[in-house]
Amino acid sequence: MARQTFFLGPCCLGSRSVPEFHFTPGLGNRLIRSRAYFCGRCGDIWGRLLVDSSTFTQLVQRPCLAHGDGRFSQFHNFEEGADYSADWPAAATAYEARAWLEYAWKFSTHPEHPLTSYMEAFSATKLP
């Protein structure tokens, strides 16, 4: 098992254990890679998923929170599989949920919208 550590800018959000290999149909077993999240609009590397046994870092173009949804996961749900997994560190899961809410809030500013109460509750907290 390898250690995968989540970073949002310079802040460490925690780490988890991941298998060193994953199976890709047609390609066989491949080493799991580190990822760096690059915003194509502002050019920032806003997030990283570093795997301690990885020799390669895959650059993933995903908008930062200022220019899009700013999420590590490319899918807009929290179902097991895909990119999101229930064994993510608590701070990374909290960031992911907060980023999703903030992105949804950008398109839902009506005072009676169901997200209003959630965003008011989050307004006192800051993202790491």
Protein backbone atom coordinates (compact mmCIF):
# COMPACT_ATOMS: atom_id res chain seq x y z
CA MET A 1 0.00 0.00 0.00
CA ALA A 2 1.08 3.55 -0.72
CA ARG A 3 0.22 6.79 1.06
CA GLN A 4 -1.78 9.42 -0.85
CA THR A 5 -1.70 12.94 0.63
CA PHE A 6 -4.19 15.68 -0.31
CA PHE A 7 -3.00 19.28 -0.62
CA LEU A 8 -5.06 22.39 -1.28
CA GLY A 9 -2.50 25.05 -2.14
CA PRO A 10 0.11 24.76 0.65
CA CYS A 11 -2.35 23.20 3.16
CA CYS A 12 -2.30 19.48 3.84
CA LEU A 13 -5.83 18.06 4.06
CA GLY A 14 -4.73 14.62 5.26
CA SER A 15 -3.77 11.30 3.73
CA ARG A 16 -5.05 7.79 3.13
CA SER A 17 -3.71 4.39 2.06
CA VAL A 18 -4.15 3.43 -1.59
CA PRO A 19 -3.04 0.37 -3.57
CA GLU A 20 0.18 0.95 -5.50
CA PHE A 21 -1.32 -0.51 -8.67
CA HIS A 22 -4.67 -0.24 -10.40
CA PHE A 23 -5.98 -2.35 -13.25
CA THR A 24 -6.82 -0.62 -16.52
CA PRO A 25 -8.58 -2.79 -19.13
CA GLY A 26 -6.30 -3.25 -22.11
CA LEU A 27 -3.28 -1.88 -20.26
CA GLY A 28 -3.03 -4.24 -17.29
CA ASN A 29 -1.71 -3.22 -13.89
CA ARG A 30 -0.29 0.29 -13.74
CA LEU A 31 1.35 2.22 -10.95
CA ILE A 32 -0.94 4.79 -9.37
CA ARG A 33 0.25 8.33 -10.10
CA SER A 34 0.31 11.58 -8.23
CA ARG A 35 -1.92 14.34 -9.57
CA ALA A 36 -1.51 18.10 -9.80
CA TYR A 37 -4.64 20.17 -10.49
CA PHE A 38 -4.02 23.07 -12.87
CA CYS A 39 -6.49 25.93 -13.51
CA GLY A 40 -6.43 26.72 -17.22
CA ARG A 41 -7.74 30.23 -16.62
CA CYS A 42 -5.35 31.62 -13.99
CA GLY A 43 -2.51 29.11 -14.33
CA ASP A 44 -2.38 28.11 -10.64
CA ILE A 45 -1.60 24.63 -9.41
CA TRP A 46 -4.34 24.79 -6.78
CA GLY A 47 -4.38 21.20 -5.54
CA ARG A 48 -2.25 18.06 -5.43
CA LEU A 49 -2.75 14.39 -4.62
CA LEU A 50 0.74 13.07 -3.91
CA VAL A 51 1.41 9.35 -3.80
CA ASP A 52 4.64 8.54 -1.95
CA SER A 53 5.61 5.64 -4.25
CA SER A 54 4.80 7.48 -7.50
CA THR A 55 7.54 8.44 -9.92
CA PHE A 56 5.17 10.38 -12.20
CA THR A 57 2.78 13.27 -11.62
CA GLN A 58 -0.23 13.57 -13.91
CA LEU A 59 -1.28 17.16 -14.63
CA VAL A 60 -5.08 17.46 -14.56
CA GLN A 61 -6.74 20.58 -15.93
CA ARG A 62 -9.54 21.49 -13.49
CA PRO A 63 -10.69 25.02 -12.70
CA CYS A 64 -9.84 26.43 -9.29
CA LEU A 65 -12.61 27.57 -6.95
CA ALA A 66 -12.35 31.16 -8.22
CA HIS A 67 -12.86 30.08 -11.86
CA GLY A 68 -15.08 27.01 -11.57
CA ASP A 69 -16.00 24.30 -9.11
CA GLY A 70 -12.48 23.77 -7.72
CA ARG A 71 -13.06 20.12 -6.86
CA PHE A 72 -10.64 17.20 -6.80
CA SER A 73 -13.34 14.86 -8.09
CA GLN A 74 -14.55 15.34 -11.64
CA PHE A 75 -18.00 13.90 -10.92
CA HIS A 76 -20.72 15.90 -9.20
CA ASN A 77 -21.86 13.31 -6.72
CA PHE A 78 -20.41 11.60 -3.70
CA GLU A 79 -21.06 8.03 -4.76
CA GLU A 80 -18.39 5.44 -4.07
CA GLY A 81 -16.15 4.86 -7.06
CA ALA A 82 -15.00 7.20 -9.81
CA ASP A 83 -12.73 9.74 -8.12
CA TYR A 84 -14.40 10.12 -4.74
CA SER A 85 -14.00 7.44 -2.09
CA ALA A 86 -15.35 7.17 1.44
CA ASP A 87 -11.82 6.77 2.83
CA TRP A 88 -10.83 10.32 1.87
CA PRO A 89 -9.50 12.34 4.82
CA ALA A 90 -12.23 14.28 6.64
CA ALA A 91 -10.76 17.68 5.69
CA ALA A 92 -10.64 16.69 1.99
CA THR A 93 -14.26 15.49 2.08
CA ALA A 94 -15.31 18.71 3.84
CA TYR A 95 -13.49 20.80 1.23
CA GLU A 96 -15.10 18.81 -1.60
CA ALA A 97 -18.60 19.34 -0.16
CA ARG A 98 -17.94 23.01 0.51
CA ALA A 99 -16.57 23.56 -3.01
CA TRP A 100 -19.62 21.87 -4.51
CA LEU A 101 -21.97 24.06 -2.45
CA GLU A 102 -20.10 27.26 -3.33
CA TYR A 103 -20.16 26.38 -7.03
CA ALA A 104 -23.88 25.56 -6.89
CA TRP A 105 -24.47 28.79 -4.96
CA LYS A 106 -23.01 30.85 -7.81
CA PHE A 107 -26.00 29.80 -9.94
CA SER A 108 -28.68 29.88 -7.20
CA THR A 109 -28.87 33.27 -5.50
CA HIS A 110 -32.61 33.37 -4.82
CA PRO A 111 -33.16 34.03 -1.07
CA GLU A 112 -35.61 31.13 -0.73
CA HIS A 113 -33.42 28.60 -2.53
CA PRO A 114 -32.71 25.44 -0.45
CA LEU A 115 -28.95 26.14 -0.57
CA THR A 116 -29.42 29.47 1.23
CA SER A 117 -29.50 27.92 4.71
CA TYR A 118 -26.44 25.76 3.96
CA MET A 119 -24.43 28.68 2.66
CA GLU A 120 -25.37 30.83 5.65
CA ALA A 121 -24.13 28.04 7.94
CA PHE A 122 -20.86 27.82 6.01
CA SER A 123 -20.33 31.58 5.81
CA ALA A 124 -18.63 31.65 9.23
CA THR A 125 -16.12 28.95 8.26
CA LYS A 126 -13.15 29.31 5.94
CA LEU A 127 -11.72 26.80 3.52
CA PRO A 128 -8.23 25.64 4.42
